[in-house]
Amino acid sequence: MEQIQRLRPEGLVHSPAFSHVAVVPPGATTIYVGGQNSVDADGTLVGADDVAAQAARALENAGVALAAAGATFADVVQWTVLFVDGVDLAAAYGAIAPVLASEEPPLVLGARVAGLGVPGALIEVSAVAAVVR
């Protein structure tokens, strides 16, 4: 069975937190997880002004969404991480780094934004995953 290839080619920076290229084999099931932030099941924001707490909850929510589709964090091909401008990026990445870092990490796109759809949200994550069956 073919696997997803996550590549970190020579000539590009080598990081334990992200790869540069992902090759998904034919026949894999692709899963798209929409933007997840730090709201609980009732829609209440968790973590107030604490970006690390919000990042952890956003990843927890993404994990629930992935599981609903039969996937795990290991199946993620690419994360998109949106940070509200001015947040402590080290604190945010510190909370999510254990999920991102691996021998074959996913692709990661991070961007600073003026604001997010949920009032008070400081971070939002989305993902593309692929499951090879």
C-alpha atoms as a PDB file:
ATOM      1  CA  MET A   1       0.000   0.000   0.000  1.00  0.00           C
ATOM      2  CA  GLU A   2       1.330   3.410  -0.952  1.00  0.00           C
ATOM      3  CA  GLN A   3       1.735   6.041   1.736  1.00  0.00           C
ATOM      4  CA  ILE A   4       1.641   9.824   1.732  1.00  0.00           C
ATOM      5  CA  GLN A   5       5.107  11.183   0.989  1.00  0.00           C
ATOM      6  CA  ARG A   6       6.124  14.280   2.945  1.00  0.00           C
ATOM      7  CA  LEU A   7       9.241  15.802   1.418  1.00  0.00           C
ATOM      8  CA  ARG A   8      11.837  18.249   2.720  1.00  0.00           C
ATOM      9  CA  PRO A   9      14.083  18.685  -0.326  1.00  0.00           C
ATOM     10  CA  GLU A  10      17.732  19.662  -0.154  1.00  0.00           C
ATOM     11  CA  GLY A  11      18.115  23.380  -0.743  1.00  0.00           C
ATOM     12  CA  LEU A  12      15.081  24.285   1.399  1.00  0.00           C
ATOM     13  CA  VAL A  13      15.135  24.860   5.146  1.00  0.00           C
ATOM     14  CA  HIS A  14      14.825  21.662   7.201  1.00  0.00           C
ATOM     15  CA  SER A  15      12.344  21.970  10.069  1.00  0.00           C
ATOM     16  CA  PRO A  16      10.843  19.391  12.417  1.00  0.00           C
ATOM     17  CA  ALA A  17       7.602  21.387  12.320  1.00  0.00           C
ATOM     18  CA  PHE A  18       6.799  21.289   8.607  1.00  0.00           C
ATOM     19  CA  SER A  19       7.520  19.685   5.252  1.00  0.00           C
ATOM     20  CA  HIS A  20       7.585  21.514   1.920  1.00  0.00           C
ATOM     21  CA  VAL A  21       5.814  19.024  -0.326  1.00  0.00           C
ATOM     22  CA  ALA A  22       3.230  16.290   0.172  1.00  0.00           C
ATOM     23  CA  VAL A  23       2.417  13.660  -2.423  1.00  0.00           C
ATOM     24  CA  VAL A  24      -0.885  11.854  -1.870  1.00  0.00           C
ATOM     25  CA  PRO A  25      -1.173   8.529  -3.701  1.00  0.00           C
ATOM     26  CA  PRO A  26      -4.087   7.702  -5.991  1.00  0.00           C
ATOM     27  CA  GLY A  27      -7.090   6.247  -4.216  1.00  0.00           C
ATOM     28  CA  ALA A  28      -6.559   8.073  -0.927  1.00  0.00           C
ATOM     29  CA  THR A  29      -9.604   9.623   0.713  1.00  0.00           C
ATOM     30  CA  THR A  30      -9.164  13.384   1.066  1.00  0.00           C
ATOM     31  CA  ILE A  31     -10.662  15.094   4.112  1.00  0.00           C
ATOM     32  CA  TYR A  32     -11.076  18.853   4.506  1.00  0.00           C
ATOM     33  CA  VAL A  33     -11.520  20.319   7.986  1.00  0.00           C
ATOM     34  CA  GLY A  34     -12.952  23.826   8.032  1.00  0.00           C
ATOM     35  CA  GLY A  35     -11.700  26.557  10.340  1.00  0.00           C
ATOM     36  CA  GLN A  36     -11.661  25.490  13.981  1.00  0.00           C
ATOM     37  CA  ASN A  37     -11.178  27.902  16.827  1.00  0.00           C
ATOM     38  CA  SER A  38     -11.463  27.580  20.578  1.00  0.00           C
ATOM     39  CA  VAL A  39     -15.211  27.333  21.037  1.00  0.00           C
ATOM     40  CA  ASP A  40     -16.770  24.508  23.009  1.00  0.00           C
ATOM     41  CA  ALA A  41     -19.757  22.427  21.874  1.00  0.00           C
ATOM     42  CA  ASP A  42     -22.100  25.193  23.059  1.00  0.00           C
ATOM     43  CA  GLY A  43     -20.282  27.845  21.012  1.00  0.00           C
ATOM     44  CA  THR A  44     -18.658  29.482  24.051  1.00  0.00           C
ATOM     45  CA  LEU A  45     -15.123  30.789  23.531  1.00  0.00           C
ATOM     46  CA  VAL A  46     -12.565  28.876  25.626  1.00  0.00           C
ATOM     47  CA  GLY A  47      -9.339  30.541  26.707  1.00  0.00           C
ATOM     48  CA  ALA A  48     -10.350  34.226  26.754  1.00  0.00           C
ATOM     49  CA  ASP A  49      -7.123  36.186  26.075  1.00  0.00           C
ATOM     50  CA  ASP A  50      -4.799  33.149  26.356  1.00  0.00           C
ATOM     51  CA  VAL A  51      -3.569  32.241  22.858  1.00  0.00           C
ATOM     52  CA  ALA A  52      -1.911  29.017  24.063  1.00  0.00           C
ATOM     53  CA  ALA A  53      -5.177  27.817  25.625  1.00  0.00           C
ATOM     54  CA  GLN A  54      -7.057  28.810  22.496  1.00  0.00           C
ATOM     55  CA  ALA A  55      -4.540  27.021  20.261  1.00  0.00           C
ATOM     56  CA  ALA A  56      -4.844  23.832  22.307  1.00  0.00           C
ATOM     57  CA  ARG A  57      -8.649  23.935  22.123  1.00  0.00           C
ATOM     58  CA  ALA A  58      -8.638  24.710  18.387  1.00  0.00           C
ATOM     59  CA  LEU A  59      -6.459  21.623  17.811  1.00  0.00           C
ATOM     60  CA  GLU A  60      -8.713  19.564  20.062  1.00  0.00           C
ATOM     61  CA  ASN A  61     -11.684  20.656  17.942  1.00  0.00           C
ATOM     62  CA  ALA A  62      -9.787  19.809  14.753  1.00  0.00           C
ATOM     63  CA  GLY A  63      -9.043  16.380  16.205  1.00  0.00           C
ATOM     64  CA  VAL A  64     -12.750  15.788  16.819  1.00  0.00           C
ATOM     65  CA  ALA A  65     -13.521  16.832  13.246  1.00  0.00           C
ATOM     66  CA  LEU A  66     -10.794  14.567  11.837  1.00  0.00           C
ATOM     67  CA  ALA A  67     -11.995  11.615  13.917  1.00  0.00           C
ATOM     68  CA  ALA A  68     -15.539  12.088  12.606  1.00  0.00           C
ATOM     69  CA  ALA A  69     -14.115  11.427   9.126  1.00  0.00           C
ATOM     70  CA  GLY A  70     -11.959   8.482  10.231  1.00  0.00           C
ATOM     71  CA  ALA A  71      -8.675  10.411  10.325  1.00  0.00           C
ATOM     72  CA  THR A  72      -6.088  11.450  12.920  1.00  0.00           C
ATOM     73  CA  PHE A  73      -3.467  14.181  13.215  1.00  0.00           C
ATOM     74  CA  ALA A  74      -1.000  11.756  11.568  1.00  0.00           C
ATOM     75  CA  ASP A  75      -3.151  11.868   8.414  1.00  0.00           C
ATOM     76  CA  VAL A  76      -2.970  15.660   8.063  1.00  0.00           C
ATOM     77  CA  VAL A  77      -1.258  16.744   4.867  1.00  0.00           C
ATOM     78  CA  GLN A  78      -1.528  20.504   5.477  1.00  0.00           C
ATOM     79  CA  TRP A  79      -2.490  22.806   8.331  1.00  0.00           C
ATOM     80  CA  THR A  80      -3.500  26.422   7.852  1.00  0.00           C
ATOM     81  CA  VAL A  81      -3.047  28.474  11.028  1.00  0.00           C
ATOM     82  CA  LEU A  82      -4.439  32.004  11.284  1.00  0.00           C
ATOM     83  CA  PHE A  83      -3.236  34.243  14.123  1.00  0.00           C
ATOM     84  CA  VAL A  84      -4.812  37.538  15.071  1.00  0.00           C
ATOM     85  CA  ASP A  85      -2.174  40.215  14.625  1.00  0.00           C
ATOM     86  CA  GLY A  86      -0.336  40.977  17.855  1.00  0.00           C
ATOM     87  CA  VAL A  87      -0.691  37.575  19.572  1.00  0.00           C
ATOM     88  CA  ASP A  88       2.343  35.872  21.078  1.00  0.00           C
ATOM     89  CA  LEU A  89       3.358  33.512  18.256  1.00  0.00           C
ATOM     90  CA  ALA A  90       5.820  31.618  20.476  1.00  0.00           C
ATOM     91  CA  ALA A  91       3.046  30.805  22.954  1.00  0.00           C
ATOM     92  CA  ALA A  92       0.684  29.752  20.172  1.00  0.00           C
ATOM     93  CA  TYR A  93       3.244  27.573  18.393  1.00  0.00           C
ATOM     94  CA  GLY A  94       4.375  26.181  21.748  1.00  0.00           C
ATOM     95  CA  ALA A  95       0.886  24.815  22.261  1.00  0.00           C
ATOM     96  CA  ILE A  96       0.587  23.276  18.795  1.00  0.00           C
ATOM     97  CA  ALA A  97       4.195  22.205  18.137  1.00  0.00           C
ATOM     98  CA  PRO A  98       3.768  18.767  19.743  1.00  0.00           C
ATOM     99  CA  VAL A  99       1.085  18.004  17.146  1.00  0.00           C
ATOM    100  CA  LEU A 100       2.991  19.449  14.191  1.00  0.00           C
ATOM    101  CA  ALA A 101       6.469  18.074  14.894  1.00  0.00           C
ATOM    102  CA  SER A 102       7.202  14.541  13.700  1.00  0.00           C
ATOM    103  CA  GLU A 103       9.591  12.589  11.509  1.00  0.00           C
ATOM    104  CA  GLU A 104       7.368  13.459   8.538  1.00  0.00           C
ATOM    105  CA  PRO A 105       5.548  16.654   9.511  1.00  0.00           C
ATOM    106  CA  PRO A 106       2.678  18.084   7.479  1.00  0.00           C
ATOM    107  CA  LEU A 107       2.826  21.234   5.418  1.00  0.00           C
ATOM    108  CA  VAL A 108       1.992  24.358   7.423  1.00  0.00           C
ATOM    109  CA  LEU A 109       0.771  27.742   6.299  1.00  0.00           C
ATOM    110  CA  GLY A 110       0.666  30.422   8.999  1.00  0.00           C
ATOM    111  CA  ALA A 111      -0.708  33.913   8.536  1.00  0.00           C
ATOM    112  CA  ARG A 112      -1.441  36.963  10.644  1.00  0.00           C
ATOM    113  CA  VAL A 113      -4.922  38.390  10.181  1.00  0.00           C
ATOM    114  CA  ALA A 114      -6.732  41.463  11.468  1.00  0.00           C
ATOM    115  CA  GLY A 115      -9.476  39.401  13.082  1.00  0.00           C
ATOM    116  CA  LEU A 116     -11.502  36.211  12.961  1.00  0.00           C
ATOM    117  CA  GLY A 117     -15.221  35.484  12.689  1.00  0.00           C
ATOM    118  CA  VAL A 118     -15.648  34.523  16.353  1.00  0.00           C
ATOM    119  CA  PRO A 119     -15.346  37.594  18.600  1.00  0.00           C
ATOM    120  CA  GLY A 120     -12.350  37.169  20.910  1.00  0.00           C
ATOM    121  CA  ALA A 121     -10.830  34.293  18.930  1.00  0.00           C
ATOM    122  CA  LEU A 122      -7.051  34.679  18.600  1.00  0.00           C
ATOM    123  CA  ILE A 123      -6.305  31.625  16.445  1.00  0.00           C
ATOM    124  CA  GLU A 124      -8.052  29.435  13.912  1.00  0.00           C
ATOM    125  CA  VAL A 125      -6.822  26.235  12.278  1.00  0.00           C
ATOM    126  CA  SER A 126      -7.985  24.263   9.279  1.00  0.00           C
ATOM    127  CA  ALA A 127      -6.599  21.086   7.781  1.00  0.00           C
ATOM    128  CA  VAL A 128      -6.454  18.899   4.732  1.00  0.00           C
ATOM    129  CA  ALA A 129      -5.930  15.220   5.501  1.00  0.00           C
ATOM    130  CA  ALA A 130      -5.653  12.086   3.409  1.00  0.00           C
ATOM    131  CA  VAL A 131      -6.316   8.526   4.489  1.00  0.00           C
ATOM    132  CA  VAL A 132      -4.796   5.714   2.474  1.00  0.00           C
ATOM    133  CA  ARG A 133      -7.026   2.659   2.787  1.00  0.00           C
END
